[in-house]
Amino acid sequence: MSSENLSYPKEKLNVLLFEGIHQTAVDHFREAGYTSITHLSHSLQGPELHEAIAKAHIVGVRSRTKLTAEVLGHAKRLFAIGCFCIGTNQV
């Protein structure tokens, strides 16, 4: 049995990238088979962030997006966070 049969289909996973993360990251996700990619040039806060993260499986942040315990409480589908910055204190 191939590993493809054991993985959740990548086209059903939602990738959410904040704060203008470099286009190379988007390209790598696409090349790996991810098709549902939201690439924002800015961070979100409050209800907007809660709504966006609720649908995300993978999130990429830089230093302005704050993923607090409250925010992560809305992220029921989330299984990975990538920090595209120096440090991880925003998570």
C-alpha atoms as a PDB file:
ATOM      1  CA  MET A   1       0.000   0.000   0.000  1.00  0.00           C
ATOM      2  CA  SER A   2       1.455   3.382  -0.956  1.00  0.00           C
ATOM      3  CA  SER A   3       1.693   6.239   1.528  1.00  0.00           C
ATOM      4  CA  GLU A   4      -0.659   8.243  -0.714  1.00  0.00           C
ATOM      5  CA  ASN A   5      -3.464   5.919   0.368  1.00  0.00           C
ATOM      6  CA  LEU A   6      -2.759   6.663   4.019  1.00  0.00           C
ATOM      7  CA  SER A   7      -2.678  10.471   3.852  1.00  0.00           C
ATOM      8  CA  TYR A   8      -5.592  12.873   3.916  1.00  0.00           C
ATOM      9  CA  PRO A   9      -5.947  14.337   0.404  1.00  0.00           C
ATOM     10  CA  LYS A  10      -3.829  17.491   0.158  1.00  0.00           C
ATOM     11  CA  GLU A  11      -6.408  19.206  -2.037  1.00  0.00           C
ATOM     12  CA  LYS A  12      -8.827  19.101   0.917  1.00  0.00           C
ATOM     13  CA  LEU A  13      -6.408  20.820   3.314  1.00  0.00           C
ATOM     14  CA  ASN A  14      -6.600  24.586   3.771  1.00  0.00           C
ATOM     15  CA  VAL A  15      -3.298  26.462   3.975  1.00  0.00           C
ATOM     16  CA  LEU A  16      -3.435  29.994   5.405  1.00  0.00           C
ATOM     17  CA  LEU A  17      -0.367  32.226   5.063  1.00  0.00           C
ATOM     18  CA  PHE A  18      -0.291  35.665   6.700  1.00  0.00           C
ATOM     19  CA  GLU A  19       1.748  38.850   6.344  1.00  0.00           C
ATOM     20  CA  GLY A  20       3.099  38.474   2.841  1.00  0.00           C
ATOM     21  CA  ILE A  21       5.059  35.292   3.435  1.00  0.00           C
ATOM     22  CA  HIS A  22       7.343  34.903   0.426  1.00  0.00           C
ATOM     23  CA  GLN A  23       5.844  33.564  -2.789  1.00  0.00           C
ATOM     24  CA  THR A  24       8.351  30.712  -2.667  1.00  0.00           C
ATOM     25  CA  ALA A  25       6.373  29.193   0.225  1.00  0.00           C
ATOM     26  CA  VAL A  26       3.187  29.320  -1.854  1.00  0.00           C
ATOM     27  CA  ASP A  27       5.023  27.734  -4.779  1.00  0.00           C
ATOM     28  CA  HIS A  28       6.356  24.913  -2.585  1.00  0.00           C
ATOM     29  CA  PHE A  29       2.877  24.157  -1.228  1.00  0.00           C
ATOM     30  CA  ARG A  30       1.461  24.066  -4.766  1.00  0.00           C
ATOM     31  CA  GLU A  31       4.290  21.827  -6.012  1.00  0.00           C
ATOM     32  CA  ALA A  32       3.591  19.472  -3.093  1.00  0.00           C
ATOM     33  CA  GLY A  33      -0.052  19.140  -4.178  1.00  0.00           C
ATOM     34  CA  TYR A  34      -1.839  21.645  -1.934  1.00  0.00           C
ATOM     35  CA  THR A  35      -4.454  23.590  -3.885  1.00  0.00           C
ATOM     36  CA  SER A  36      -6.421  25.505  -1.243  1.00  0.00           C
ATOM     37  CA  ILE A  37      -3.948  28.242  -0.301  1.00  0.00           C
ATOM     38  CA  THR A  38      -4.921  31.643   1.070  1.00  0.00           C
ATOM     39  CA  HIS A  39      -1.990  34.071   0.903  1.00  0.00           C
ATOM     40  CA  LEU A  40      -2.654  37.326   2.746  1.00  0.00           C
ATOM     41  CA  SER A  41      -0.419  40.401   2.617  1.00  0.00           C
ATOM     42  CA  HIS A  42      -1.364  41.388   6.167  1.00  0.00           C
ATOM     43  CA  SER A  43      -2.196  39.974   9.581  1.00  0.00           C
ATOM     44  CA  LEU A  44      -5.702  39.605  10.976  1.00  0.00           C
ATOM     45  CA  GLN A  45      -7.004  40.225  14.470  1.00  0.00           C
ATOM     46  CA  GLY A  46     -10.101  39.529  16.530  1.00  0.00           C
ATOM     47  CA  PRO A  47     -13.163  37.989  14.881  1.00  0.00           C
ATOM     48  CA  GLU A  48     -11.559  38.092  11.417  1.00  0.00           C
ATOM     49  CA  LEU A  49      -8.632  35.997  12.643  1.00  0.00           C
ATOM     50  CA  HIS A  50     -10.940  33.613  14.522  1.00  0.00           C
ATOM     51  CA  GLU A  51     -13.030  33.037  11.388  1.00  0.00           C
ATOM     52  CA  ALA A  52     -10.024  32.539   9.107  1.00  0.00           C
ATOM     53  CA  ILE A  53      -8.171  30.154  11.405  1.00  0.00           C
ATOM     54  CA  ALA A  54     -11.301  28.060  12.033  1.00  0.00           C
ATOM     55  CA  LYS A  55     -11.061  26.746   8.457  1.00  0.00           C
ATOM     56  CA  ALA A  56      -7.273  26.270   8.356  1.00  0.00           C
ATOM     57  CA  HIS A  57      -5.316  23.033   8.635  1.00  0.00           C
ATOM     58  CA  ILE A  58      -1.895  24.654   8.146  1.00  0.00           C
ATOM     59  CA  VAL A  59      -1.026  28.228   9.147  1.00  0.00           C
ATOM     60  CA  GLY A  60       2.067  30.290   8.372  1.00  0.00           C
ATOM     61  CA  VAL A  61       2.759  33.486  10.323  1.00  0.00           C
ATOM     62  CA  ARG A  62       5.410  36.142  10.615  1.00  0.00           C
ATOM     63  CA  SER A  63       5.784  38.413  13.635  1.00  0.00           C
ATOM     64  CA  ARG A  64       2.560  40.469  13.635  1.00  0.00           C
ATOM     65  CA  THR A  65      -0.011  37.673  13.759  1.00  0.00           C
ATOM     66  CA  LYS A  66      -0.517  36.597  17.376  1.00  0.00           C
ATOM     67  CA  LEU A  67      -1.743  33.027  17.800  1.00  0.00           C
ATOM     68  CA  THR A  68      -2.835  33.135  21.431  1.00  0.00           C
ATOM     69  CA  ALA A  69      -4.576  30.332  23.305  1.00  0.00           C
ATOM     70  CA  GLU A  70      -7.876  32.092  22.609  1.00  0.00           C
ATOM     71  CA  VAL A  71      -7.170  32.220  18.863  1.00  0.00           C
ATOM     72  CA  LEU A  72      -6.007  28.602  18.767  1.00  0.00           C
ATOM     73  CA  GLY A  73      -9.231  27.616  20.518  1.00  0.00           C
ATOM     74  CA  HIS A  74     -11.009  28.489  17.254  1.00  0.00           C
ATOM     75  CA  ALA A  75      -8.630  26.334  15.188  1.00  0.00           C
ATOM     76  CA  LYS A  76     -10.331  22.945  15.438  1.00  0.00           C
ATOM     77  CA  ARG A  77      -8.774  21.643  12.187  1.00  0.00           C
ATOM     78  CA  LEU A  78      -5.261  22.991  12.716  1.00  0.00           C
ATOM     79  CA  PHE A  79      -2.369  20.511  12.783  1.00  0.00           C
ATOM     80  CA  ALA A  80       0.644  22.636  11.786  1.00  0.00           C
ATOM     81  CA  ILE A  81       1.962  26.148  12.351  1.00  0.00           C
ATOM     82  CA  GLY A  82       4.983  27.533  10.510  1.00  0.00           C
ATOM     83  CA  CYS A  83       6.767  30.598  11.868  1.00  0.00           C
ATOM     84  CA  PHE A  84       8.428  32.459   8.992  1.00  0.00           C
ATOM     85  CA  CYS A  85      10.341  34.831  11.255  1.00  0.00           C
ATOM     86  CA  ILE A  86      12.922  35.064  13.995  1.00  0.00           C
ATOM     87  CA  GLY A  87      11.537  33.505  17.170  1.00  0.00           C
ATOM     88  CA  THR A  88       8.229  31.859  17.982  1.00  0.00           C
ATOM     89  CA  ASN A  89       6.831  34.086  20.735  1.00  0.00           C
ATOM     90  CA  GLN A  90       3.790  34.944  18.587  1.00  0.00           C
ATOM     91  CA  VAL A  91       2.472  31.406  19.087  1.00  0.00           C
END
